[in-house]
Amino acid sequence: MAAYNTLTKIIVGTVPSGTEDSSSTGTLSEKINTFWQTLDSSSGAVQSMTAVTIAPHTVAVIIVYLG
């Protein structure tokens, strides 16, 4: 069996207006962008990113990356 050495990050937040900008403090977009910036292209390469609506205006973003 292959050893992929992946980690999974789940970020849950609300998008009340339906749109956001990552430069706005405390928004889901800002949280995703801040996490994304901590990854590097070799040891933290993103394998998958999925967004799922949990409830109206509530989204879970699932990011699988190399650990």
C-alpha atoms as a PDB file:
ATOM      1  CA  MET A   1       0.000   0.000   0.000  1.00  0.00           C
ATOM      2  CA  ALA A   2       1.310   3.466  -0.858  1.00  0.00           C
ATOM      3  CA  ALA A   3       2.210   5.952   1.872  1.00  0.00           C
ATOM      4  CA  TYR A   4       0.919   9.313   0.721  1.00  0.00           C
ATOM      5  CA  ASN A   5       1.794  11.210   3.926  1.00  0.00           C
ATOM      6  CA  THR A   6      -1.131  13.607   3.590  1.00  0.00           C
ATOM      7  CA  LEU A   7      -2.794  15.881   6.113  1.00  0.00           C
ATOM      8  CA  THR A   8      -6.332  17.263   5.998  1.00  0.00           C
ATOM      9  CA  LYS A   9      -7.433  20.731   7.089  1.00  0.00           C
ATOM     10  CA  ILE A  10     -11.144  21.540   7.415  1.00  0.00           C
ATOM     11  CA  ILE A  11     -12.100  25.208   7.682  1.00  0.00           C
ATOM     12  CA  VAL A  12     -15.743  26.023   8.416  1.00  0.00           C
ATOM     13  CA  GLY A  13     -17.211  29.493   8.176  1.00  0.00           C
ATOM     14  CA  THR A  14     -20.063  31.634   6.994  1.00  0.00           C
ATOM     15  CA  VAL A  15     -20.367  33.791   3.917  1.00  0.00           C
ATOM     16  CA  PRO A  16     -23.324  36.009   4.844  1.00  0.00           C
ATOM     17  CA  SER A  17     -23.292  38.209   1.757  1.00  0.00           C
ATOM     18  CA  GLY A  18     -22.481  35.429  -0.685  1.00  0.00           C
ATOM     19  CA  THR A  19     -19.166  37.048  -1.628  1.00  0.00           C
ATOM     20  CA  GLU A  20     -16.009  37.857   0.314  1.00  0.00           C
ATOM     21  CA  ASP A  21     -12.499  39.112  -0.192  1.00  0.00           C
ATOM     22  CA  SER A  22      -9.476  37.543   1.493  1.00  0.00           C
ATOM     23  CA  SER A  23      -8.279  40.988   2.609  1.00  0.00           C
ATOM     24  CA  SER A  24     -11.245  41.321   4.996  1.00  0.00           C
ATOM     25  CA  THR A  25     -10.217  40.295   8.526  1.00  0.00           C
ATOM     26  CA  GLY A  26     -12.141  37.447  10.137  1.00  0.00           C
ATOM     27  CA  THR A  27     -13.823  36.227   6.958  1.00  0.00           C
ATOM     28  CA  LEU A  28     -13.793  32.653   5.714  1.00  0.00           C
ATOM     29  CA  SER A  29     -11.825  33.845   2.684  1.00  0.00           C
ATOM     30  CA  GLU A  30      -9.158  35.353   4.925  1.00  0.00           C
ATOM     31  CA  LYS A  31      -8.906  32.141   6.996  1.00  0.00           C
ATOM     32  CA  ILE A  32      -8.468  30.029   3.850  1.00  0.00           C
ATOM     33  CA  ASN A  33      -5.907  32.423   2.380  1.00  0.00           C
ATOM     34  CA  THR A  34      -3.915  32.585   5.627  1.00  0.00           C
ATOM     35  CA  PHE A  35      -3.735  28.783   5.811  1.00  0.00           C
ATOM     36  CA  TRP A  36      -2.885  28.496   2.097  1.00  0.00           C
ATOM     37  CA  GLN A  37       0.046  30.903   2.584  1.00  0.00           C
ATOM     38  CA  THR A  38       1.550  28.585   5.244  1.00  0.00           C
ATOM     39  CA  LEU A  39       1.980  25.781   2.703  1.00  0.00           C
ATOM     40  CA  ASP A  40       5.018  25.503   0.473  1.00  0.00           C
ATOM     41  CA  SER A  41       5.140  23.900  -2.942  1.00  0.00           C
ATOM     42  CA  SER A  42       7.249  20.900  -1.953  1.00  0.00           C
ATOM     43  CA  SER A  43       6.414  19.767   1.572  1.00  0.00           C
ATOM     44  CA  GLY A  44       2.908  21.249   1.681  1.00  0.00           C
ATOM     45  CA  ALA A  45       1.758  20.727  -1.888  1.00  0.00           C
ATOM     46  CA  VAL A  46      -2.035  20.741  -2.127  1.00  0.00           C
ATOM     47  CA  GLN A  47      -3.505  17.464  -3.359  1.00  0.00           C
ATOM     48  CA  SER A  48      -7.173  18.399  -3.213  1.00  0.00           C
ATOM     49  CA  MET A  49      -9.478  21.227  -2.188  1.00  0.00           C
ATOM     50  CA  THR A  50     -13.247  20.804  -1.886  1.00  0.00           C
ATOM     51  CA  ALA A  51     -15.983  23.130  -0.650  1.00  0.00           C
ATOM     52  CA  VAL A  52     -19.248  21.800   0.739  1.00  0.00           C
ATOM     53  CA  THR A  53     -22.344  23.770   1.728  1.00  0.00           C
ATOM     54  CA  ILE A  54     -23.397  22.730   5.230  1.00  0.00           C
ATOM     55  CA  ALA A  55     -26.306  25.170   5.658  1.00  0.00           C
ATOM     56  CA  PRO A  56     -27.397  28.388   3.975  1.00  0.00           C
ATOM     57  CA  HIS A  57     -24.317  30.662   3.956  1.00  0.00           C
ATOM     58  CA  THR A  58     -22.200  28.072   5.873  1.00  0.00           C
ATOM     59  CA  VAL A  59     -19.373  26.369   4.001  1.00  0.00           C
ATOM     60  CA  ALA A  60     -16.759  23.754   4.893  1.00  0.00           C
ATOM     61  CA  VAL A  61     -13.543  23.876   2.886  1.00  0.00           C
ATOM     62  CA  ILE A  62     -11.539  20.636   2.963  1.00  0.00           C
ATOM     63  CA  ILE A  63      -7.888  20.894   1.956  1.00  0.00           C
ATOM     64  CA  VAL A  64      -5.738  17.761   1.612  1.00  0.00           C
ATOM     65  CA  TYR A  65      -2.018  18.484   1.388  1.00  0.00           C
ATOM     66  CA  LEU A  66       1.322  16.706   1.746  1.00  0.00           C
ATOM     67  CA  GLY A  67       2.574  16.525   5.320  1.00  0.00           C
END
